[in-house]
Amino acid sequence: MIVKSVAMQAYQNALKAQQGLQKNMGSFKPEGAPTQSFTSTLENSLQKVDDLQNQRASMVESFATGKDTNVHELMITLQKAGLTMSMTSAVRSKILAGYQELTKMQF
């Protein structure tokens, strides 16, 4: 009888400890966990790419009209815009490839 009561007490203590951990884990957020959804992150990234493309276009226009003669800033902006567009294209290709793989899967 004593063994059963000790085992039962240990079981109840473990159950209470687990319930306490579950309560604490509800508010736990691991370090580096995303604060935004994938959709909002993608929208923000595409907005930044669009902003760089617009900046590139305005700088090229101002350079062509003779308003701005700073070639260094123009070249840096052109490289930034080109790099972001190629990275965006690469991400798009990877997303499409993943989607195509998912459509090939049989459930």
PDB file of N, CA and C in Angstrom:
ATOM      1  N   MET A   1       0.801  -1.188   0.000  1.00  0.00           N
ATOM      2  CA  MET A   1       0.000   0.000   0.000  1.00  0.00           C
ATOM      3  C   MET A   1       0.849   1.259   0.000  1.00  0.00           C
ATOM      4  N   ILE A   2       1.961   1.217   0.757  1.00  0.00           N
ATOM      5  CA  ILE A   2       2.829   2.384   0.848  1.00  0.00           C
ATOM      6  C   ILE A   2       3.464   2.666  -0.506  1.00  0.00           C
ATOM      7  N   VAL A   3       3.828   1.631  -1.234  1.00  0.00           N
ATOM      8  CA  VAL A   3       4.447   1.794  -2.545  1.00  0.00           C
ATOM      9  C   VAL A   3       3.470   2.454  -3.513  1.00  0.00           C
ATOM     10  N   LYS A   4       2.196   2.034  -3.467  1.00  0.00           N
ATOM     11  CA  LYS A   4       1.193   2.628  -4.336  1.00  0.00           C
ATOM     12  C   LYS A   4       1.001   4.106  -4.030  1.00  0.00           C
ATOM     13  N   SER A   5       0.969   4.492  -2.774  1.00  0.00           N
ATOM     14  CA  SER A   5       0.758   5.895  -2.426  1.00  0.00           C
ATOM     15  C   SER A   5       1.964   6.744  -2.818  1.00  0.00           C
ATOM     16  N   VAL A   6       3.167   6.210  -2.667  1.00  0.00           N
ATOM     17  CA  VAL A   6       4.370   6.936  -3.082  1.00  0.00           C
ATOM     18  C   VAL A   6       4.389   7.094  -4.597  1.00  0.00           C
ATOM     19  N   ALA A   7       4.037   6.036  -5.313  1.00  0.00           N
ATOM     20  CA  ALA A   7       4.006   6.100  -6.774  1.00  0.00           C
ATOM     21  C   ALA A   7       2.931   7.083  -7.241  1.00  0.00           C
ATOM     22  N   MET A   8       1.785   7.051  -6.577  1.00  0.00           N
ATOM     23  CA  MET A   8       0.701   7.960  -6.937  1.00  0.00           C
ATOM     24  C   MET A   8       1.097   9.408  -6.655  1.00  0.00           C
ATOM     25  N   GLN A   9       1.768   9.648  -5.554  1.00  0.00           N
ATOM     26  CA  GLN A   9       2.223  10.992  -5.213  1.00  0.00           C
ATOM     27  C   GLN A   9       3.249  11.478  -6.233  1.00  0.00           C
ATOM     28  N   ALA A  10       4.163  10.621  -6.640  1.00  0.00           N
ATOM     29  CA  ALA A  10       5.162  10.988  -7.650  1.00  0.00           C
ATOM     30  C   ALA A  10       4.488  11.299  -8.983  1.00  0.00           C
ATOM     31  N   TYR A  11       3.484  10.502  -9.342  1.00  0.00           N
ATOM     32  CA  TYR A  11       2.742  10.729 -10.582  1.00  0.00           C
ATOM     33  C   TYR A  11       2.043  12.081 -10.538  1.00  0.00           C
ATOM     34  N   GLN A  12       1.375  12.392  -9.414  1.00  0.00           N
ATOM     35  CA  GLN A  12       0.665  13.655  -9.292  1.00  0.00           C
ATOM     36  C   GLN A  12       1.630  14.838  -9.320  1.00  0.00           C
ATOM     37  N   ASN A  13       2.780  14.699  -8.696  1.00  0.00           N
ATOM     38  CA  ASN A  13       3.791  15.764  -8.737  1.00  0.00           C
ATOM     39  C   ASN A  13       4.300  15.993 -10.158  1.00  0.00           C
ATOM     40  N   ALA A  14       4.540  14.921 -10.882  1.00  0.00           N
ATOM     41  CA  ALA A  14       4.998  15.038 -12.268  1.00  0.00           C
ATOM     42  C   ALA A  14       3.927  15.679 -13.139  1.00  0.00           C
ATOM     43  N   LEU A  15       2.673  15.325 -12.904  1.00  0.00           N
ATOM     44  CA  LEU A  15       1.564  15.893 -13.665  1.00  0.00           C
ATOM     45  C   LEU A  15       1.445  17.388 -13.396  1.00  0.00           C
ATOM     46  N   LYS A  16       1.573  17.807 -12.141  1.00  0.00           N
ATOM     47  CA  LYS A  16       1.514  19.227 -11.792  1.00  0.00           C
ATOM     48  C   LYS A  16       2.684  19.989 -12.419  1.00  0.00           C
ATOM     49  N   ALA A  17       3.848  19.384 -12.403  1.00  0.00           N
ATOM     50  CA  ALA A  17       5.024  20.022 -13.008  1.00  0.00           C
ATOM     51  C   ALA A  17       4.833  20.196 -14.500  1.00  0.00           C
ATOM     52  N   GLN A  18       4.270  19.198 -15.161  1.00  0.00           N
ATOM     53  CA  GLN A  18       4.032  19.281 -16.597  1.00  0.00           C
ATOM     54  C   GLN A  18       3.008  20.364 -16.907  1.00  0.00           C
ATOM     55  N   GLN A  19       1.958  20.456 -16.122  1.00  0.00           N
ATOM     56  CA  GLN A  19       0.950  21.485 -16.343  1.00  0.00           C
ATOM     57  C   GLN A  19       1.539  22.878 -16.137  1.00  0.00           C
ATOM     58  N   GLY A  20       2.401  23.010 -15.148  1.00  0.00           N
ATOM     59  CA  GLY A  20       3.068  24.290 -14.924  1.00  0.00           C
ATOM     60  C   GLY A  20       3.964  24.671 -16.086  1.00  0.00           C
ATOM     61  N   LEU A  21       4.668  23.704 -16.642  1.00  0.00           N
ATOM     62  CA  LEU A  21       5.521  23.962 -17.803  1.00  0.00           C
ATOM     63  C   LEU A  21       4.696  24.358 -19.017  1.00  0.00           C
ATOM     64  N   GLN A  22       3.565  23.697 -19.201  1.00  0.00           N
ATOM     65  CA  GLN A  22       2.717  24.029 -20.336  1.00  0.00           C
ATOM     66  C   GLN A  22       2.190  25.454 -20.232  1.00  0.00           C
ATOM     67  N   LYS A  23       1.861  25.898 -19.032  1.00  0.00           N
ATOM     68  CA  LYS A  23       1.406  27.277 -18.840  1.00  0.00           C
ATOM     69  C   LYS A  23       2.516  28.254 -19.175  1.00  0.00           C
ATOM     70  N   ASN A  24       3.726  27.942 -18.721  1.00  0.00           N
ATOM     71  CA  ASN A  24       4.863  28.815 -18.995  1.00  0.00           C
ATOM     72  C   ASN A  24       5.257  28.798 -20.465  1.00  0.00           C
ATOM     73  N   MET A  25       5.122  27.671 -21.119  1.00  0.00           N
ATOM     74  CA  MET A  25       5.494  27.555 -22.531  1.00  0.00           C
ATOM     75  C   MET A  25       4.515  28.285 -23.430  1.00  0.00           C
ATOM     76  N   GLY A  26       3.318  28.532 -22.956  1.00  0.00           N
ATOM     77  CA  GLY A  26       2.335  29.253 -23.766  1.00  0.00           C
ATOM     78  C   GLY A  26       2.804  30.651 -24.098  1.00  0.00           C
ATOM     79  N   SER A  27       3.530  31.287 -23.194  1.00  0.00           N
ATOM     80  CA  SER A  27       4.020  32.640 -23.422  1.00  0.00           C
ATOM     81  C   SER A  27       5.473  32.652 -23.908  1.00  0.00           C
ATOM     82  N   PHE A  28       6.071  31.480 -24.047  1.00  0.00           N
ATOM     83  CA  PHE A  28       7.470  31.377 -24.463  1.00  0.00           C
ATOM     84  C   PHE A  28       7.595  31.636 -25.946  1.00  0.00           C
ATOM     85  N   LYS A  29       8.551  32.480 -26.310  1.00  0.00           N
ATOM     86  CA  LYS A  29       8.828  32.745 -27.711  1.00  0.00           C
ATOM     87  C   LYS A  29      10.326  32.565 -27.916  1.00  0.00           C
ATOM     88  N   PRO A  30      10.733  31.577 -28.723  1.00  0.00           N
ATOM     89  CA  PRO A  30      12.161  31.332 -28.896  1.00  0.00           C
ATOM     90  C   PRO A  30      12.870  32.521 -29.524  1.00  0.00           C
ATOM     91  N   GLU A  31      14.146  32.645 -29.187  1.00  0.00           N
ATOM     92  CA  GLU A  31      14.943  33.721 -29.751  1.00  0.00           C
ATOM     93  C   GLU A  31      15.094  33.511 -31.245  1.00  0.00           C
ATOM     94  N   GLY A  32      14.926  34.577 -32.003  1.00  0.00           N
ATOM     95  CA  GLY A  32      15.033  34.483 -33.448  1.00  0.00           C
ATOM     96  C   GLY A  32      13.740  34.052 -34.112  1.00  0.00           C
ATOM     97  N   ALA A  33      12.659  33.921 -33.343  1.00  0.00           N
ATOM     98  CA  ALA A  33      11.378  33.540 -33.936  1.00  0.00           C
ATOM     99  C   ALA A  33      10.853  34.710 -34.756  1.00  0.00           C
ATOM    100  N   PRO A  34      10.241  34.426 -35.884  1.00  0.00           N
ATOM    101  CA  PRO A  34       9.748  35.508 -36.738  1.00  0.00           C
ATOM    102  C   PRO A  34       8.637  36.297 -36.050  1.00  0.00           C
ATOM    103  N   THR A  35       8.689  37.606 -36.220  1.00  0.00           N
ATOM    104  CA  THR A  35       7.661  38.456 -35.644  1.00  0.00           C
ATOM    105  C   THR A  35       6.592  38.803 -36.671  1.00  0.00           C
ATOM    106  N   GLN A  36       6.875  38.533 -37.942  1.00  0.00           N
ATOM    107  CA  GLN A  36       5.930  38.821 -39.013  1.00  0.00           C
ATOM    108  C   GLN A  36       5.573  37.521 -39.716  1.00  0.00           C
ATOM    109  N   SER A  37       4.479  37.559 -40.422  1.00  0.00           N
ATOM    110  CA  SER A  37       4.115  36.403 -41.218  1.00  0.00           C
ATOM    111  C   SER A  37       4.957  36.390 -42.494  1.00  0.00           C
ATOM    112  N   PHE A  38       4.959  35.267 -43.176  1.00  0.00           N
ATOM    113  CA  PHE A  38       5.717  35.145 -44.416  1.00  0.00           C
ATOM    114  C   PHE A  38       5.202  36.127 -45.458  1.00  0.00           C
ATOM    115  N   THR A  39       3.884  36.283 -45.505  1.00  0.00           N
ATOM    116  CA  THR A  39       3.273  37.174 -46.489  1.00  0.00           C
ATOM    117  C   THR A  39       3.709  38.617 -46.270  1.00  0.00           C
ATOM    118  N   SER A  40       3.672  39.089 -45.031  1.00  0.00           N
ATOM    119  CA  SER A  40       4.061  40.479 -44.777  1.00  0.00           C
ATOM    120  C   SER A  40       5.552  40.683 -45.012  1.00  0.00           C
ATOM    121  N   THR A  41       6.363  39.681 -44.691  1.00  0.00           N
ATOM    122  CA  THR A  41       7.796  39.778 -44.965  1.00  0.00           C
ATOM    123  C   THR A  41       8.057  39.869 -46.465  1.00  0.00           C
ATOM    124  N   LEU A  42       7.346  39.052 -47.230  1.00  0.00           N
ATOM    125  CA  LEU A  42       7.500  39.074 -48.676  1.00  0.00           C
ATOM    126  C   LEU A  42       7.034  40.405 -49.262  1.00  0.00           C
ATOM    127  N   GLU A  43       5.910  40.912 -48.768  1.00  0.00           N
ATOM    128  CA  GLU A  43       5.411  42.202 -49.249  1.00  0.00           C
ATOM    129  C   GLU A  43       6.397  43.326 -48.941  1.00  0.00           C
ATOM    130  N   ASN A  44       6.961  43.327 -47.733  1.00  0.00           N
ATOM    131  CA  ASN A  44       7.942  44.356 -47.370  1.00  0.00           C
ATOM    132  C   ASN A  44       9.181  44.271 -48.250  1.00  0.00           C
ATOM    133  N   SER A  45       9.635  43.062 -48.514  1.00  0.00           N
ATOM    134  CA  SER A  45      10.820  42.883 -49.359  1.00  0.00           C
ATOM    135  C   SER A  45      10.562  43.365 -50.778  1.00  0.00           C
ATOM    136  N   LEU A  46       9.402  43.025 -51.311  1.00  0.00           N
ATOM    137  CA  LEU A  46       9.069  43.475 -52.666  1.00  0.00           C
ATOM    138  C   LEU A  46       8.906  44.994 -52.731  1.00  0.00           C
ATOM    139  N   GLN A  47       8.401  45.591 -51.654  1.00  0.00           N
ATOM    140  CA  GLN A  47       8.287  47.051 -51.604  1.00  0.00           C
ATOM    141  C   GLN A  47       9.666  47.702 -51.618  1.00  0.00           C
ATOM    142  N   LYS A  48      10.619  47.117 -50.905  1.00  0.00           N
ATOM    143  CA  LYS A  48      11.984  47.643 -50.896  1.00  0.00           C
ATOM    144  C   LYS A  48      12.628  47.526 -52.282  1.00  0.00           C
ATOM    145  N   VAL A  49      12.376  46.409 -52.961  1.00  0.00           N
ATOM    146  CA  VAL A  49      12.912  46.232 -54.314  1.00  0.00           C
ATOM    147  C   VAL A  49      12.308  47.275 -55.244  1.00  0.00           C
ATOM    148  N   ASP A  50      11.014  47.509 -55.104  1.00  0.00           N
ATOM    149  CA  ASP A  50      10.342  48.514 -55.932  1.00  0.00           C
ATOM    150  C   ASP A  50      10.898  49.910 -55.646  1.00  0.00           C
ATOM    151  N   ASP A  51      11.144  50.214 -54.374  1.00  0.00           N
ATOM    152  CA  ASP A  51      11.711  51.512 -54.019  1.00  0.00           C
ATOM    153  C   ASP A  51      13.095  51.702 -54.638  1.00  0.00           C
ATOM    154  N   LEU A  52      13.914  50.651 -54.597  1.00  0.00           N
ATOM    155  CA  LEU A  52      15.242  50.746 -55.213  1.00  0.00           C
ATOM    156  C   LEU A  52      15.155  50.929 -56.726  1.00  0.00           C
ATOM    157  N   GLN A  53      14.203  50.261 -57.361  1.00  0.00           N
ATOM    158  CA  GLN A  53      14.036  50.414 -58.808  1.00  0.00           C
ATOM    159  C   GLN A  53      13.588  51.844 -59.150  1.00  0.00           C
ATOM    160  N   ASN A  54      12.688  52.385 -58.339  1.00  0.00           N
ATOM    161  CA  ASN A  54      12.247  53.771 -58.570  1.00  0.00           C
ATOM    162  C   ASN A  54      13.382  54.755 -58.336  1.00  0.00           C
ATOM    163  N   GLN A  55      14.192  54.516 -57.305  1.00  0.00           N
ATOM    164  CA  GLN A  55      15.347  55.374 -57.036  1.00  0.00           C
ATOM    165  C   GLN A  55      16.336  55.299 -58.193  1.00  0.00           C
ATOM    166  N   ARG A  56      16.553  54.108 -58.705  1.00  0.00           N
ATOM    167  CA  ARG A  56      17.448  53.935 -59.844  1.00  0.00           C
ATOM    168  C   ARG A  56      16.958  54.723 -61.046  1.00  0.00           C
ATOM    169  N   ALA A  57      15.656  54.618 -61.328  1.00  0.00           N
ATOM    170  CA  ALA A  57      15.101  55.323 -62.480  1.00  0.00           C
ATOM    171  C   ALA A  57      15.220  56.833 -62.327  1.00  0.00           C
ATOM    172  N   SER A  58      14.961  57.333 -61.145  1.00  0.00           N
ATOM    173  CA  SER A  58      15.058  58.788 -60.943  1.00  0.00           C
ATOM    174  C   SER A  58      16.503  59.263 -61.019  1.00  0.00           C
ATOM    175  N   MET A  59      17.440  58.470 -60.525  1.00  0.00           N
ATOM    176  CA  MET A  59      18.839  58.879 -60.602  1.00  0.00           C
ATOM    177  C   MET A  59      19.356  58.850 -62.036  1.00  0.00           C
ATOM    178  N   VAL A  60      18.945  57.839 -62.797  1.00  0.00           N
ATOM    179  CA  VAL A  60      19.355  57.777 -64.204  1.00  0.00           C
ATOM    180  C   VAL A  60      18.775  58.974 -64.958  1.00  0.00           C
ATOM    181  N   GLU A  61      17.524  59.293 -64.668  1.00  0.00           N
ATOM    182  CA  GLU A  61      16.888  60.435 -65.341  1.00  0.00           C
ATOM    183  C   GLU A  61      17.576  61.747 -64.985  1.00  0.00           C
ATOM    184  N   SER A  62      17.894  61.920 -63.693  1.00  0.00           N
ATOM    185  CA  SER A  62      18.564  63.161 -63.294  1.00  0.00           C
ATOM    186  C   SER A  62      19.984  63.234 -63.854  1.00  0.00           C
ATOM    187  N   PHE A  63      20.659  62.106 -63.997  1.00  0.00           N
ATOM    188  CA  PHE A  63      21.984  62.104 -64.596  1.00  0.00           C
ATOM    189  C   PHE A  63      21.910  62.406 -66.090  1.00  0.00           C
ATOM    190  N   ALA A  64      20.889  61.831 -66.751  1.00  0.00           N
ATOM    191  CA  ALA A  64      20.756  62.045 -68.190  1.00  0.00           C
ATOM    192  C   ALA A  64      20.391  63.497 -68.510  1.00  0.00           C
ATOM    193  N   THR A  65      19.639  64.135 -67.639  1.00  0.00           N
ATOM    194  CA  THR A  65      19.258  65.526 -67.892  1.00  0.00           C
ATOM    195  C   THR A  65      20.321  66.510 -67.424  1.00  0.00           C
ATOM    196  N   GLY A  66      21.352  66.026 -66.731  1.00  0.00           N
ATOM    197  CA  GLY A  66      22.436  66.890 -66.306  1.00  0.00           C
ATOM    198  C   GLY A  66      22.212  67.530 -64.947  1.00  0.00           C
ATOM    199  N   LYS A  67      21.158  67.154 -64.240  1.00  0.00           N
ATOM    200  CA  LYS A  67      20.892  67.728 -62.917  1.00  0.00           C
ATOM    201  C   LYS A  67      21.889  67.210 -61.879  1.00  0.00           C
ATOM    202  N   ASP A  68      22.258  65.964 -61.988  1.00  0.00           N
ATOM    203  CA  ASP A  68      23.159  65.352 -61.013  1.00  0.00           C
ATOM    204  C   ASP A  68      24.341  64.749 -61.758  1.00  0.00           C
ATOM    205  N   THR A  69      25.541  65.059 -61.321  1.00  0.00           N
ATOM    206  CA  THR A  69      26.730  64.540 -62.005  1.00  0.00           C
ATOM    207  C   THR A  69      27.536  63.601 -61.119  1.00  0.00           C
ATOM    208  N   ASN A  70      26.966  63.118 -60.035  1.00  0.00           N
ATOM    209  CA  ASN A  70      27.679  62.213 -59.136  1.00  0.00           C
ATOM    210  C   ASN A  70      27.580  60.787 -59.702  1.00  0.00           C
ATOM    211  N   VAL A  71      28.609  60.421 -60.446  1.00  0.00           N
ATOM    212  CA  VAL A  71      28.627  59.121 -61.129  1.00  0.00           C
ATOM    213  C   VAL A  71      28.761  57.981 -60.124  1.00  0.00           C
ATOM    214  N   HIS A  72      29.488  58.198 -59.045  1.00  0.00           N
ATOM    215  CA  HIS A  72      29.711  57.141 -58.064  1.00  0.00           C
ATOM    216  C   HIS A  72      28.399  56.687 -57.420  1.00  0.00           C
ATOM    217  N   GLU A  73      27.597  57.646 -56.988  1.00  0.00           N
ATOM    218  CA  GLU A  73      26.308  57.292 -56.375  1.00  0.00           C
ATOM    219  C   GLU A  73      25.390  56.624 -57.394  1.00  0.00           C
ATOM    220  N   LEU A  74      25.439  57.099 -58.628  1.00  0.00           N
ATOM    221  CA  LEU A  74      24.626  56.502 -59.688  1.00  0.00           C
ATOM    222  C   LEU A  74      25.015  55.045 -59.907  1.00  0.00           C
ATOM    223  N   MET A  75      26.295  54.765 -59.982  1.00  0.00           N
ATOM    224  CA  MET A  75      26.751  53.392 -60.205  1.00  0.00           C
ATOM    225  C   MET A  75      26.423  52.488 -59.017  1.00  0.00           C
ATOM    226  N   ILE A  76      26.558  53.009 -57.798  1.00  0.00           N
ATOM    227  CA  ILE A  76      26.216  52.218 -56.617  1.00  0.00           C
ATOM    228  C   ILE A  76      24.729  51.895 -56.611  1.00  0.00           C
ATOM    229  N   THR A  77      23.900  52.870 -56.933  1.00  0.00           N
ATOM    230  CA  THR A  77      22.457  52.650 -56.981  1.00  0.00           C
ATOM    231  C   THR A  77      22.090  51.656 -58.073  1.00  0.00           C
ATOM    232  N   LEU A  78      22.742  51.749 -59.219  1.00  0.00           N
ATOM    233  CA  LEU A  78      22.486  50.798 -60.305  1.00  0.00           C
ATOM    234  C   LEU A  78      22.852  49.377 -59.879  1.00  0.00           C
ATOM    235  N   GLN A  79      23.966  49.218 -59.187  1.00  0.00           N
ATOM    236  CA  GLN A  79      24.382  47.893 -58.726  1.00  0.00           C
ATOM    237  C   GLN A  79      23.430  47.341 -57.670  1.00  0.00           C
ATOM    238  N   LYS A  80      23.015  48.203 -56.726  1.00  0.00           N
ATOM    239  CA  LYS A  80      22.058  47.772 -55.704  1.00  0.00           C
ATOM    240  C   LYS A  80      20.754  47.314 -56.341  1.00  0.00           C
ATOM    241  N   ALA A  81      20.242  48.109 -57.264  1.00  0.00           N
ATOM    242  CA  ALA A  81      18.974  47.774 -57.916  1.00  0.00           C
ATOM    243  C   ALA A  81      19.097  46.487 -58.726  1.00  0.00           C
ATOM    244  N   GLY A  82      20.202  46.327 -59.424  1.00  0.00           N
ATOM    245  CA  GLY A  82      20.412  45.111 -60.206  1.00  0.00           C
ATOM    246  C   GLY A  82      20.541  43.875 -59.338  1.00  0.00           C
ATOM    247  N   LEU A  83      21.258  44.009 -58.245  1.00  0.00           N
ATOM    248  CA  LEU A  83      21.455  42.883 -57.342  1.00  0.00           C
ATOM    249  C   LEU A  83      20.139  42.475 -56.671  1.00  0.00           C
ATOM    250  N   THR A  84      19.371  43.462 -56.209  1.00  0.00           N
ATOM    251  CA  THR A  84      18.095  43.124 -55.563  1.00  0.00           C
ATOM    252  C   THR A  84      17.130  42.489 -56.552  1.00  0.00           C
ATOM    253  N   MET A  85      17.152  42.947 -57.795  1.00  0.00           N
ATOM    254  CA  MET A  85      16.258  42.355 -58.790  1.00  0.00           C
ATOM    255  C   MET A  85      16.673  40.928 -59.118  1.00  0.00           C
ATOM    256  N   SER A  86      17.971  40.659 -59.207  1.00  0.00           N
ATOM    257  CA  SER A  86      18.407  39.294 -59.488  1.00  0.00           C
ATOM    258  C   SER A  86      18.134  38.364 -58.302  1.00  0.00           C
ATOM    259  N   MET A  87      18.280  38.864 -57.082  1.00  0.00           N
ATOM    260  CA  MET A  87      17.959  38.059 -55.902  1.00  0.00           C
ATOM    261  C   MET A  87      16.461  37.769 -55.830  1.00  0.00           C
ATOM    262  N   THR A  88      15.654  38.764 -56.161  1.00  0.00           N
ATOM    263  CA  THR A  88      14.208  38.573 -56.176  1.00  0.00           C
ATOM    264  C   THR A  88      13.815  37.542 -57.214  1.00  0.00           C
ATOM    265  N   SER A  89      14.462  37.595 -58.348  1.00  0.00           N
ATOM    266  CA  SER A  89      14.195  36.619 -59.407  1.00  0.00           C
ATOM    267  C   SER A  89      14.601  35.212 -58.974  1.00  0.00           C
ATOM    268  N   ALA A  90      15.711  35.102 -58.266  1.00  0.00           N
ATOM    269  CA  ALA A  90      16.164  33.797 -57.786  1.00  0.00           C
ATOM    270  C   ALA A  90      15.199  33.230 -56.744  1.00  0.00           C
ATOM    271  N   VAL A  91      14.716  34.083 -55.837  1.00  0.00           N
ATOM    272  CA  VAL A  91      13.749  33.635 -54.834  1.00  0.00           C
ATOM    273  C   VAL A  91      12.462  33.201 -55.512  1.00  0.00           C
ATOM    274  N   ARG A  92      12.025  33.958 -56.500  1.00  0.00           N
ATOM    275  CA  ARG A  92      10.821  33.601 -57.253  1.00  0.00           C
ATOM    276  C   ARG A  92      10.973  32.241 -57.910  1.00  0.00           C
ATOM    277  N   SER A  93      12.126  32.005 -58.501  1.00  0.00           N
ATOM    278  CA  SER A  93      12.373  30.717 -59.160  1.00  0.00           C
ATOM    279  C   SER A  93      12.341  29.568 -58.155  1.00  0.00           C
ATOM    280  N   LYS A  94      12.926  29.771 -56.983  1.00  0.00           N
ATOM    281  CA  LYS A  94      12.925  28.728 -55.948  1.00  0.00           C
ATOM    282  C   LYS A  94      11.512  28.461 -55.439  1.00  0.00           C
ATOM    283  N   ILE A  95      10.721  29.509 -55.268  1.00  0.00           N
ATOM    284  CA  ILE A  95       9.341  29.332 -54.811  1.00  0.00           C
ATOM    285  C   ILE A  95       8.539  28.566 -55.853  1.00  0.00           C
ATOM    286  N   LEU A  96       8.695  28.915 -57.113  1.00  0.00           N
ATOM    287  CA  LEU A  96       7.982  28.203 -58.179  1.00  0.00           C
ATOM    288  C   LEU A  96       8.423  26.748 -58.274  1.00  0.00           C
ATOM    289  N   ALA A  97       9.712  26.497 -58.113  1.00  0.00           N
ATOM    290  CA  ALA A  97      10.196  25.113 -58.149  1.00  0.00           C
ATOM    291  C   ALA A  97       9.619  24.314 -56.987  1.00  0.00           C
ATOM    292  N   GLY A  98       9.553  24.923 -55.826  1.00  0.00           N
ATOM    293  CA  GLY A  98       8.954  24.248 -54.674  1.00  0.00           C
ATOM    294  C   GLY A  98       7.474  23.974 -54.885  1.00  0.00           C
ATOM    295  N   TYR A  99       6.777  24.933 -55.462  1.00  0.00           N
ATOM    296  CA  TYR A  99       5.353  24.749 -55.754  1.00  0.00           C
ATOM    297  C   TYR A  99       5.145  23.610 -56.752  1.00  0.00           C
ATOM    298  N   GLN A 100       5.987  23.564 -57.770  1.00  0.00           N
ATOM    299  CA  GLN A 100       5.871  22.501 -58.764  1.00  0.00           C
ATOM    300  C   GLN A 100       6.141  21.138 -58.137  1.00  0.00           C
ATOM    301  N   GLU A 101       7.091  21.072 -57.222  1.00  0.00           N
ATOM    302  CA  GLU A 101       7.353  19.812 -56.514  1.00  0.00           C
ATOM    303  C   GLU A 101       6.152  19.400 -55.673  1.00  0.00           C
ATOM    304  N   LEU A 102       5.514  20.367 -55.037  1.00  0.00           N
ATOM    305  CA  LEU A 102       4.348  20.059 -54.230  1.00  0.00           C
ATOM    306  C   LEU A 102       3.188  19.558 -55.090  1.00  0.00           C
ATOM    307  N   THR A 103       3.026  20.123 -56.275  1.00  0.00           N
ATOM    308  CA  THR A 103       1.923  19.675 -57.133  1.00  0.00           C
ATOM    309  C   THR A 103       2.184  18.276 -57.693  1.00  0.00           C
ATOM    310  N   LYS A 104       3.438  17.864 -57.753  1.00  0.00           N
ATOM    311  CA  LYS A 104       3.753  16.523 -58.242  1.00  0.00           C
ATOM    312  C   LYS A 104       3.525  15.442 -57.190  1.00  0.00           C
ATOM    313  N   MET A 105       3.482  15.831 -55.918  1.00  0.00           N
ATOM    314  CA  MET A 105       3.313  14.865 -54.838  1.00  0.00           C
ATOM    315  C   MET A 105       1.916  14.255 -54.861  1.00  0.00           C
ATOM    316  N   GLN A 106       1.864  13.004 -54.556  1.00  0.00           N
ATOM    317  CA  GLN A 106       0.578  12.301 -54.482  1.00  0.00           C
ATOM    318  C   GLN A 106       0.203  12.125 -53.029  1.00  0.00           C
ATOM    319  N   PHE A 107      -1.038  12.433 -52.729  1.00  0.00           N
ATOM    320  CA  PHE A 107      -1.505  12.303 -51.349  1.00  0.00           C
ATOM    321  C   PHE A 107      -2.438  11.144 -51.214  1.00  0.00           C
TER     322      PHE A 107
END
